[in-house]
């Protein structure tokens, strides 16, 4: 299988361009997983502040509002031709890690404002689409 990784890439593209890229990927690689990490859930005040912060640095994110929910993230993959899709926010990703890994990370990077970290992780997600016989990805 082919693995495609995108870290904060699709949000910098127009929605049409990212849809074209995903469709091309699903047509070109019949046994593939496309793993995407990017902002999500940006329709609230926290998300608006994040977007304005980027704009104040002359950094536009033309695709950031294309998939406002995790369900929209999944739909973008199935619309592009992937047979399976899943999206989780980073809080859920953190909950799925073994406790000893979370403890190790906490020792490396101490966060005194857990509430702010939780809010931040709520606004980033992992989403993926797969096709072909690549196993269960949920």
C-alpha atoms as a PDB file:
ATOM      1  CA  UNK A   1       0.000   0.000   0.000  1.00  0.00           C
ATOM      2  CA  UNK A   2       0.899   3.639  -0.466  1.00  0.00           C
ATOM      3  CA  UNK A   3       0.892   5.974   2.542  1.00  0.00           C
ATOM      4  CA  UNK A   4       0.444   9.701   1.931  1.00  0.00           C
ATOM      5  CA  UNK A   5       1.086  12.044   4.881  1.00  0.00           C
ATOM      6  CA  UNK A   6      -0.114  15.645   4.936  1.00  0.00           C
ATOM      7  CA  UNK A   7       0.683  17.867   7.905  1.00  0.00           C
ATOM      8  CA  UNK A   8      -1.210  21.164   7.693  1.00  0.00           C
ATOM      9  CA  UNK A   9      -1.162  21.025   3.895  1.00  0.00           C
ATOM     10  CA  UNK A  10      -4.792  20.877   2.760  1.00  0.00           C
ATOM     11  CA  UNK A  11      -5.767  23.926   4.829  1.00  0.00           C
ATOM     12  CA  UNK A  12      -3.276  26.012   2.795  1.00  0.00           C
ATOM     13  CA  UNK A  13      -4.921  24.919  -0.461  1.00  0.00           C
ATOM     14  CA  UNK A  14      -8.217  26.040  -1.930  1.00  0.00           C
ATOM     15  CA  UNK A  15     -11.042  23.557  -1.297  1.00  0.00           C
ATOM     16  CA  UNK A  16     -11.157  22.734  -5.032  1.00  0.00           C
ATOM     17  CA  UNK A  17      -7.413  22.060  -5.153  1.00  0.00           C
ATOM     18  CA  UNK A  18      -7.455  19.822  -2.090  1.00  0.00           C
ATOM     19  CA  UNK A  19     -10.491  17.918  -3.427  1.00  0.00           C
ATOM     20  CA  UNK A  20      -8.632  17.433  -6.722  1.00  0.00           C
ATOM     21  CA  UNK A  21      -5.514  16.189  -4.912  1.00  0.00           C
ATOM     22  CA  UNK A  22      -7.514  13.687  -2.853  1.00  0.00           C
ATOM     23  CA  UNK A  23      -9.420  12.437  -5.913  1.00  0.00           C
ATOM     24  CA  UNK A  24      -6.186  12.080  -7.871  1.00  0.00           C
ATOM     25  CA  UNK A  25      -4.643  10.139  -4.980  1.00  0.00           C
ATOM     26  CA  UNK A  26      -7.590   7.762  -4.686  1.00  0.00           C
ATOM     27  CA  UNK A  27      -7.575   7.102  -8.459  1.00  0.00           C
ATOM     28  CA  UNK A  28      -3.789   6.749  -8.770  1.00  0.00           C
ATOM     29  CA  UNK A  29      -3.135   4.542  -5.731  1.00  0.00           C
ATOM     30  CA  UNK A  30      -5.813   1.830  -5.400  1.00  0.00           C
ATOM     31  CA  UNK A  31      -4.227   0.450  -2.203  1.00  0.00           C
ATOM     32  CA  UNK A  32      -3.588   3.526  -0.115  1.00  0.00           C
ATOM     33  CA  UNK A  33      -4.045   5.459   3.075  1.00  0.00           C
ATOM     34  CA  UNK A  34      -4.029   9.249   3.075  1.00  0.00           C
ATOM     35  CA  UNK A  35      -3.335  10.573   6.610  1.00  0.00           C
ATOM     36  CA  UNK A  36      -4.043  14.247   7.214  1.00  0.00           C
ATOM     37  CA  UNK A  37      -3.286  16.462  10.236  1.00  0.00           C
ATOM     38  CA  UNK A  38      -4.778  19.947  10.253  1.00  0.00           C
ATOM     39  CA  UNK A  39      -6.958  22.472  12.086  1.00  0.00           C
ATOM     40  CA  UNK A  40     -10.624  21.622  12.587  1.00  0.00           C
ATOM     41  CA  UNK A  41     -13.645  22.800  14.573  1.00  0.00           C
ATOM     42  CA  UNK A  42     -12.779  26.406  13.714  1.00  0.00           C
ATOM     43  CA  UNK A  43     -16.345  27.793  13.880  1.00  0.00           C
ATOM     44  CA  UNK A  44     -16.115  28.839  17.537  1.00  0.00           C
ATOM     45  CA  UNK A  45     -14.416  31.814  19.222  1.00  0.00           C
ATOM     46  CA  UNK A  46     -11.166  29.915  19.860  1.00  0.00           C
ATOM     47  CA  UNK A  47     -10.992  28.932  16.165  1.00  0.00           C
ATOM     48  CA  UNK A  48     -11.722  32.497  15.047  1.00  0.00           C
ATOM     49  CA  UNK A  49      -8.862  33.773  17.181  1.00  0.00           C
ATOM     50  CA  UNK A  50      -6.529  31.147  15.700  1.00  0.00           C
ATOM     51  CA  UNK A  51      -7.490  32.196  12.152  1.00  0.00           C
ATOM     52  CA  UNK A  52      -7.098  35.913  12.938  1.00  0.00           C
ATOM     53  CA  UNK A  53      -3.710  35.224  14.530  1.00  0.00           C
ATOM     54  CA  UNK A  54      -2.540  33.580  11.286  1.00  0.00           C
ATOM     55  CA  UNK A  55      -3.966  36.431   9.179  1.00  0.00           C
ATOM     56  CA  UNK A  56      -2.128  38.989  11.312  1.00  0.00           C
ATOM     57  CA  UNK A  57       1.071  37.231  10.187  1.00  0.00           C
ATOM     58  CA  UNK A  58      -0.003  37.453   6.515  1.00  0.00           C
ATOM     59  CA  UNK A  59      -0.738  33.750   6.472  1.00  0.00           C
ATOM     60  CA  UNK A  60      -4.008  32.936   4.762  1.00  0.00           C
ATOM     61  CA  UNK A  61      -5.555  29.500   5.133  1.00  0.00           C
ATOM     62  CA  UNK A  62      -7.944  29.250   2.165  1.00  0.00           C
ATOM     63  CA  UNK A  63      -9.044  25.714   2.996  1.00  0.00           C
ATOM     64  CA  UNK A  64      -9.344  25.916   6.771  1.00  0.00           C
ATOM     65  CA  UNK A  65     -13.125  26.346   6.745  1.00  0.00           C
ATOM     66  CA  UNK A  66     -13.777  23.752   4.013  1.00  0.00           C
ATOM     67  CA  UNK A  67     -14.305  20.977   6.565  1.00  0.00           C
ATOM     68  CA  UNK A  68     -15.716  22.590   9.706  1.00  0.00           C
ATOM     69  CA  UNK A  69     -16.492  19.320  11.526  1.00  0.00           C
ATOM     70  CA  UNK A  70     -14.923  15.905  11.928  1.00  0.00           C
ATOM     71  CA  UNK A  71     -17.803  14.465   9.881  1.00  0.00           C
ATOM     72  CA  UNK A  72     -16.909  16.898   7.077  1.00  0.00           C
ATOM     73  CA  UNK A  73     -13.294  15.731   7.278  1.00  0.00           C
ATOM     74  CA  UNK A  74     -14.461  12.141   6.756  1.00  0.00           C
ATOM     75  CA  UNK A  75     -16.822  13.146   3.937  1.00  0.00           C
ATOM     76  CA  UNK A  76     -14.014  14.855   2.020  1.00  0.00           C
ATOM     77  CA  UNK A  77     -12.292  11.446   1.740  1.00  0.00           C
ATOM     78  CA  UNK A  78     -15.358   9.451   0.727  1.00  0.00           C
ATOM     79  CA  UNK A  79     -16.314  12.180  -1.782  1.00  0.00           C
ATOM     80  CA  UNK A  80     -12.825  11.808  -3.260  1.00  0.00           C
ATOM     81  CA  UNK A  81     -13.300   8.066  -3.785  1.00  0.00           C
ATOM     82  CA  UNK A  82     -11.792   6.540  -0.652  1.00  0.00           C
ATOM     83  CA  UNK A  83     -13.847   3.584   0.600  1.00  0.00           C
ATOM     84  CA  UNK A  84     -13.218   4.221   4.309  1.00  0.00           C
ATOM     85  CA  UNK A  85     -12.687   7.424   6.274  1.00  0.00           C
ATOM     86  CA  UNK A  86     -12.264   8.453   9.888  1.00  0.00           C
ATOM     87  CA  UNK A  87     -11.463  11.682  11.740  1.00  0.00           C
ATOM     88  CA  UNK A  88     -10.644  12.276  15.400  1.00  0.00           C
ATOM     89  CA  UNK A  89      -9.591  15.392  17.252  1.00  0.00           C
ATOM     90  CA  UNK A  90      -6.244  15.377  19.000  1.00  0.00           C
ATOM     91  CA  UNK A  91      -7.851  14.985  22.434  1.00  0.00           C
ATOM     92  CA  UNK A  92      -9.207  11.632  21.239  1.00  0.00           C
ATOM     93  CA  UNK A  93      -5.821  10.751  19.734  1.00  0.00           C
ATOM     94  CA  UNK A  94      -4.202  11.494  23.096  1.00  0.00           C
ATOM     95  CA  UNK A  95      -6.768   9.324  24.912  1.00  0.00           C
ATOM     96  CA  UNK A  96      -5.898   6.407  22.634  1.00  0.00           C
ATOM     97  CA  UNK A  97      -2.202   6.483  23.539  1.00  0.00           C
ATOM     98  CA  UNK A  98      -0.875   4.180  26.258  1.00  0.00           C
ATOM     99  CA  UNK A  99      -0.812   5.894  29.683  1.00  0.00           C
ATOM    100  CA  UNK A 100       2.971   5.506  29.971  1.00  0.00           C
ATOM    101  CA  UNK A 101       3.461   7.427  26.707  1.00  0.00           C
ATOM    102  CA  UNK A 102       1.254  10.275  27.931  1.00  0.00           C
ATOM    103  CA  UNK A 103       3.180  10.386  31.213  1.00  0.00           C
ATOM    104  CA  UNK A 104       6.487  10.491  29.315  1.00  0.00           C
ATOM    105  CA  UNK A 105       5.232  13.359  27.138  1.00  0.00           C
ATOM    106  CA  UNK A 106       3.977  15.242  30.195  1.00  0.00           C
ATOM    107  CA  UNK A 107       7.452  15.045  31.719  1.00  0.00           C
ATOM    108  CA  UNK A 108       8.991  16.403  28.500  1.00  0.00           C
ATOM    109  CA  UNK A 109       6.494  19.229  28.022  1.00  0.00           C
ATOM    110  CA  UNK A 110       4.780  20.480  31.154  1.00  0.00           C
ATOM    111  CA  UNK A 111       1.489  22.315  30.624  1.00  0.00           C
ATOM    112  CA  UNK A 112       0.293  24.259  33.622  1.00  0.00           C
ATOM    113  CA  UNK A 113      -2.940  25.222  31.850  1.00  0.00           C
ATOM    114  CA  UNK A 114      -4.547  21.865  31.042  1.00  0.00           C
ATOM    115  CA  UNK A 115      -7.770  23.598  29.982  1.00  0.00           C
ATOM    116  CA  UNK A 116      -5.946  25.588  27.292  1.00  0.00           C
ATOM    117  CA  UNK A 117      -4.201  22.462  26.036  1.00  0.00           C
ATOM    118  CA  UNK A 118      -7.539  20.642  25.842  1.00  0.00           C
ATOM    119  CA  UNK A 119      -9.010  23.574  23.886  1.00  0.00           C
ATOM    120  CA  UNK A 120      -6.060  23.619  21.506  1.00  0.00           C
ATOM    121  CA  UNK A 121      -6.177  19.852  20.894  1.00  0.00           C
ATOM    122  CA  UNK A 122      -9.909  20.142  20.174  1.00  0.00           C
ATOM    123  CA  UNK A 123      -8.996  22.375  17.221  1.00  0.00           C
ATOM    124  CA  UNK A 124      -6.624  19.964  15.464  1.00  0.00           C
ATOM    125  CA  UNK A 125      -7.444  16.580  14.031  1.00  0.00           C
ATOM    126  CA  UNK A 126      -6.152  13.476  12.375  1.00  0.00           C
ATOM    127  CA  UNK A 127      -8.282  12.385   9.469  1.00  0.00           C
ATOM    128  CA  UNK A 128      -7.676   9.596   7.036  1.00  0.00           C
ATOM    129  CA  UNK A 129      -9.101   7.830   4.069  1.00  0.00           C
ATOM    130  CA  UNK A 130      -8.177   4.394   2.818  1.00  0.00           C
ATOM    131  CA  UNK A 131      -8.999   2.016   0.031  1.00  0.00           C
ATOM    132  CA  UNK A 132      -7.999  -1.406  -1.110  1.00  0.00           C
ATOM    133  CA  UNK A 133      -6.986  -4.186   1.219  1.00  0.00           C
ATOM    134  CA  UNK A 134      -5.032  -2.134   3.761  1.00  0.00           C
ATOM    135  CA  UNK A 135      -6.729  -3.446   6.885  1.00  0.00           C
ATOM    136  CA  UNK A 136      -9.029  -1.862   9.411  1.00  0.00           C
ATOM    137  CA  UNK A 137      -8.087   1.755  10.042  1.00  0.00           C
ATOM    138  CA  UNK A 138     -10.734   2.832  12.544  1.00  0.00           C
END
